[in-house]
N, C-alpha and C. Protein backbone atom coordinates (compact mmCIF):
# COMPACT_ATOMS: atom_id res chain seq x y z
N MET A 1 16.07 149.11 22.22
CA MET A 1 15.90 148.05 21.16
C MET A 1 16.65 146.95 21.43
N MET A 2 16.08 145.80 21.04
CA MET A 2 16.81 144.62 21.40
C MET A 2 17.46 144.34 20.18
N GLU A 3 19.03 143.68 20.39
CA GLU A 3 19.75 143.69 19.00
C GLU A 3 19.21 142.85 18.26
N ASN A 4 18.32 141.75 18.46
CA ASN A 4 17.92 140.81 17.28
C ASN A 4 17.10 141.62 16.35
N GLN A 5 16.54 142.86 17.03
CA GLN A 5 15.81 143.76 16.21
C GLN A 5 16.46 144.52 15.21
N ILE A 6 17.67 144.87 15.60
CA ILE A 6 18.71 145.52 14.74
C ILE A 6 19.23 144.76 13.84
N PHE A 7 19.86 143.48 14.00
CA PHE A 7 20.60 142.62 13.27
C PHE A 7 19.94 141.29 12.57
N GLY A 8 18.66 140.98 13.12
CA GLY A 8 17.90 139.95 12.69
C GLY A 8 18.71 138.52 13.48
N THR A 9 18.07 137.74 13.12
CA THR A 9 18.43 136.30 14.04
C THR A 9 18.58 135.16 13.23
N ILE A 10 19.22 134.32 13.61
CA ILE A 10 19.35 132.77 12.99
C ILE A 10 18.40 131.82 13.55
N ASP A 11 17.59 131.35 12.53
CA ASP A 11 16.60 130.13 13.09
C ASP A 11 17.11 128.88 12.76
N ILE A 12 17.19 127.93 13.97
CA ILE A 12 17.87 126.78 13.50
C ILE A 12 16.93 125.63 13.17
N ARG A 13 16.77 125.21 12.09
CA ARG A 13 15.55 124.32 11.61
C ARG A 13 15.94 122.64 11.75
N LEU A 14 16.72 122.30 13.09
CA LEU A 14 17.13 121.05 13.14
C LEU A 14 16.05 120.08 13.58
N GLY A 15 14.77 120.53 14.15
CA GLY A 15 14.08 119.78 14.43
C GLY A 15 13.19 119.17 13.40
N GLU A 16 12.86 120.11 12.30
CA GLU A 16 12.46 119.81 11.19
C GLU A 16 13.10 119.00 10.28
N MET A 17 14.55 119.20 10.19
CA MET A 17 15.37 118.30 9.43
C MET A 17 15.23 117.01 9.86
N ILE A 18 15.47 116.67 11.44
CA ILE A 18 15.26 115.40 12.03
C ILE A 18 14.15 114.71 11.51
N LYS A 19 12.95 115.16 11.58
CA LYS A 19 11.56 114.72 11.43
C LYS A 19 11.60 114.07 9.94
N ALA A 20 12.14 115.01 9.03
CA ALA A 20 11.94 115.06 7.75
C ALA A 20 12.77 113.39 7.24
N LYS A 21 13.95 113.34 8.08
CA LYS A 21 14.63 112.27 7.52
C LYS A 21 14.26 110.80 8.39
N GLY A 22 12.83 110.97 9.21
CA GLY A 22 12.64 109.90 9.72
C GLY A 22 13.22 109.29 10.95
N LEU A 23 14.17 110.34 11.58
CA LEU A 23 15.05 109.85 12.94
C LEU A 23 14.61 110.34 14.08
N SER A 24 14.77 109.54 14.95
CA SER A 24 14.44 109.53 16.17
C SER A 24 15.49 110.79 16.86
N LYS A 25 15.09 111.72 17.88
CA LYS A 25 15.98 112.40 18.54
C LYS A 25 17.23 111.45 19.07
N ASN A 26 17.05 110.39 19.57
CA ASN A 26 17.96 109.45 20.21
C ASN A 26 18.93 109.05 19.06
N LYS A 27 18.31 108.47 17.81
CA LYS A 27 19.35 107.96 17.01
C LYS A 27 19.84 108.97 16.36
N PHE A 28 19.47 110.31 16.12
CA PHE A 28 20.58 111.54 15.70
C PHE A 28 21.23 111.51 16.51
N ALA A 29 20.90 111.78 17.55
CA ALA A 29 22.27 112.28 18.47
C ALA A 29 23.17 111.28 18.62
N GLN A 30 23.01 110.02 18.56
CA GLN A 30 23.85 108.89 18.55
C GLN A 30 24.80 109.12 17.20
N LEU A 31 24.27 109.11 16.27
CA LEU A 31 24.75 109.26 14.68
C LEU A 31 25.68 110.72 14.72
N ALA A 32 25.36 111.67 15.23
CA ALA A 32 26.13 113.00 15.34
C ALA A 32 26.84 113.27 16.64
N GLN A 33 26.96 112.19 17.25
CA GLN A 33 27.83 112.25 18.47
C GLN A 33 27.68 113.51 19.37
N MET A 34 26.17 113.86 19.88
CA MET A 34 25.82 114.85 20.57
C MET A 34 25.39 114.48 21.74
N GLN A 35 25.27 115.21 23.13
CA GLN A 35 24.43 114.75 23.94
C GLN A 35 22.99 115.27 23.64
N ARG A 36 22.22 114.56 24.37
CA ARG A 36 20.89 115.00 24.20
C ARG A 36 20.58 116.17 24.49
N THR A 37 20.78 116.84 25.69
CA THR A 37 20.77 118.17 26.14
C THR A 37 21.31 119.40 25.31
N GLN A 38 22.55 118.84 24.46
CA GLN A 38 22.98 119.52 23.35
C GLN A 38 22.03 119.80 22.26
N LEU A 39 21.54 118.63 21.79
CA LEU A 39 20.65 118.25 20.57
C LEU A 39 19.34 119.11 21.12
N ASN A 40 18.81 119.13 22.22
CA ASN A 40 17.43 120.00 22.38
C ASN A 40 17.99 121.41 22.27
N LYS A 41 18.89 121.98 22.67
CA LYS A 41 19.40 123.20 22.77
C LYS A 41 19.31 123.90 21.35
N TYR A 42 19.80 122.95 20.49
CA TYR A 42 20.02 123.33 18.75
C TYR A 42 18.61 123.29 18.43
N ILE A 43 17.78 122.11 18.79
CA ILE A 43 16.24 122.13 18.51
C ILE A 43 15.45 123.24 18.76
N ASN A 44 15.79 123.83 20.09
CA ASN A 44 14.81 124.68 20.66
C ASN A 44 15.46 126.01 20.27
N ASN A 45 16.32 126.39 19.54
CA ASN A 45 17.03 127.61 19.13
C ASN A 45 17.39 128.21 20.37
N ASP A 46 18.12 127.34 21.12
CA ASP A 46 18.50 128.05 22.75
C ASP A 46 20.03 127.87 22.65
N VAL A 47 20.68 128.06 21.52
CA VAL A 47 22.17 127.76 21.62
C VAL A 47 22.68 129.43 21.50
N VAL A 48 23.48 129.63 22.10
CA VAL A 48 24.32 131.18 22.30
C VAL A 48 25.10 131.09 21.26
N LEU A 49 26.16 130.28 21.19
CA LEU A 49 27.37 129.89 20.23
C LEU A 49 27.25 128.89 19.40
N LEU A 50 27.20 129.29 18.05
CA LEU A 50 27.46 127.69 17.35
C LEU A 50 28.24 127.13 17.17
N ASN A 51 28.85 126.00 17.10
CA ASN A 51 30.04 125.30 17.10
C ASN A 51 30.05 124.69 15.92
N VAL A 52 31.11 125.14 15.16
CA VAL A 52 30.96 124.74 13.67
C VAL A 52 31.32 123.18 13.35
N ASP A 53 32.02 122.62 14.46
CA ASP A 53 32.27 120.89 14.49
C ASP A 53 30.85 120.32 14.69
N VAL A 54 30.04 120.96 15.22
CA VAL A 54 28.66 120.00 15.68
C VAL A 54 27.95 120.36 14.39
N LEU A 55 27.96 121.44 13.80
CA LEU A 55 27.46 122.04 12.53
C LEU A 55 27.69 121.01 11.49
N ALA A 56 28.90 120.74 11.30
CA ALA A 56 29.33 119.75 10.35
C ALA A 56 28.92 118.28 10.50
N ARG A 57 28.94 118.09 11.63
CA ARG A 57 28.06 116.52 12.04
C ARG A 57 26.65 116.48 11.79
N ILE A 58 26.21 117.87 12.05
CA ILE A 58 24.81 117.62 11.93
C ILE A 58 24.46 117.92 10.48
N CYS A 59 25.13 118.35 9.58
CA CYS A 59 24.97 118.26 7.99
C CYS A 59 25.39 117.16 7.55
N THR A 60 26.47 116.38 8.11
CA THR A 60 26.90 114.98 7.28
C THR A 60 25.87 114.24 7.79
N VAL A 61 24.99 113.84 8.77
CA VAL A 61 24.28 113.03 9.43
C VAL A 61 22.91 113.07 8.62
N LEU A 62 22.68 114.52 8.49
CA LEU A 62 21.22 114.87 7.81
C LEU A 62 21.55 114.66 6.13
N GLU A 63 22.77 114.64 5.69
CA GLU A 63 23.25 114.71 4.03
C GLU A 63 22.40 116.06 3.33
N CYS A 64 22.79 117.27 4.49
CA CYS A 64 22.21 118.26 3.89
C CYS A 64 23.30 119.61 3.84
N ASP A 65 22.91 120.90 3.40
CA ASP A 65 23.78 122.01 3.42
C ASP A 65 23.36 122.54 4.53
N ILE A 66 24.11 123.48 5.03
CA ILE A 66 24.39 124.42 6.27
C ILE A 66 23.16 125.38 6.15
N ASN A 67 23.07 125.76 4.96
CA ASN A 67 21.46 126.57 4.69
C ASN A 67 20.38 125.94 4.63
N ASP A 68 20.27 124.64 4.98
CA ASP A 68 19.27 123.82 5.11
C ASP A 68 18.67 124.16 6.56
N VAL A 69 19.74 123.86 7.47
CA VAL A 69 19.68 123.92 8.71
C VAL A 69 19.53 125.47 9.50
N LEU A 70 20.27 126.40 9.00
CA LEU A 70 20.24 127.58 9.68
C LEU A 70 19.83 128.64 8.45
N ILE A 71 18.71 129.45 9.04
CA ILE A 71 18.12 130.22 8.40
C ILE A 71 18.29 131.90 8.85
N PHE A 72 18.63 132.86 8.08
CA PHE A 72 18.64 133.89 8.71
C PHE A 72 17.71 134.77 8.33
N VAL A 73 17.12 135.20 9.73
CA VAL A 73 15.76 136.03 9.68
C VAL A 73 16.02 137.32 9.57
N LYS A 74 15.90 138.00 8.56
CA LYS A 74 16.14 139.73 8.78
C LYS A 74 15.32 140.48 9.54
N PRO A 75 16.03 141.35 10.03
CA PRO A 75 15.26 142.30 11.09
C PRO A 75 14.02 143.28 10.49
N VAL A 76 13.18 143.33 11.36
CA VAL A 76 12.02 144.04 10.96
C VAL A 76 12.61 145.39 10.93
N LYS A 77 12.44 146.57 9.81
CA LYS A 77 12.76 147.42 9.75
C LYS A 77 11.52 148.68 10.35
N LYS A 78 11.57 149.39 11.19
CA LYS A 78 11.13 150.19 11.54
C LYS A 78 11.04 151.75 10.95
N GLU A 79 9.75 152.35 10.63
CA GLU A 79 9.60 153.53 10.23
C GLU A 79 10.16 154.43 11.22
N ARG A 80 10.72 155.54 10.50
CA ARG A 80 11.07 156.74 11.56
C ARG A 80 9.73 157.67 11.56
């Protein structure tokens, strides 16, 4: 059984948030002081370790709370 099936996953909703604010990826990357490759990893949920400094910059630029960007997806419980 894969680990995320046991513990759930974290869904990063950054792409949706950027669109909702009417920002381009380039403008957002500039404002949040992120490299474009790093931004794409966050948008594509391809981040292995979350950086709290980056998350703080994301929330500051988007004027949102962390729970607007990060969503906990509970694991699917299998019946025995």
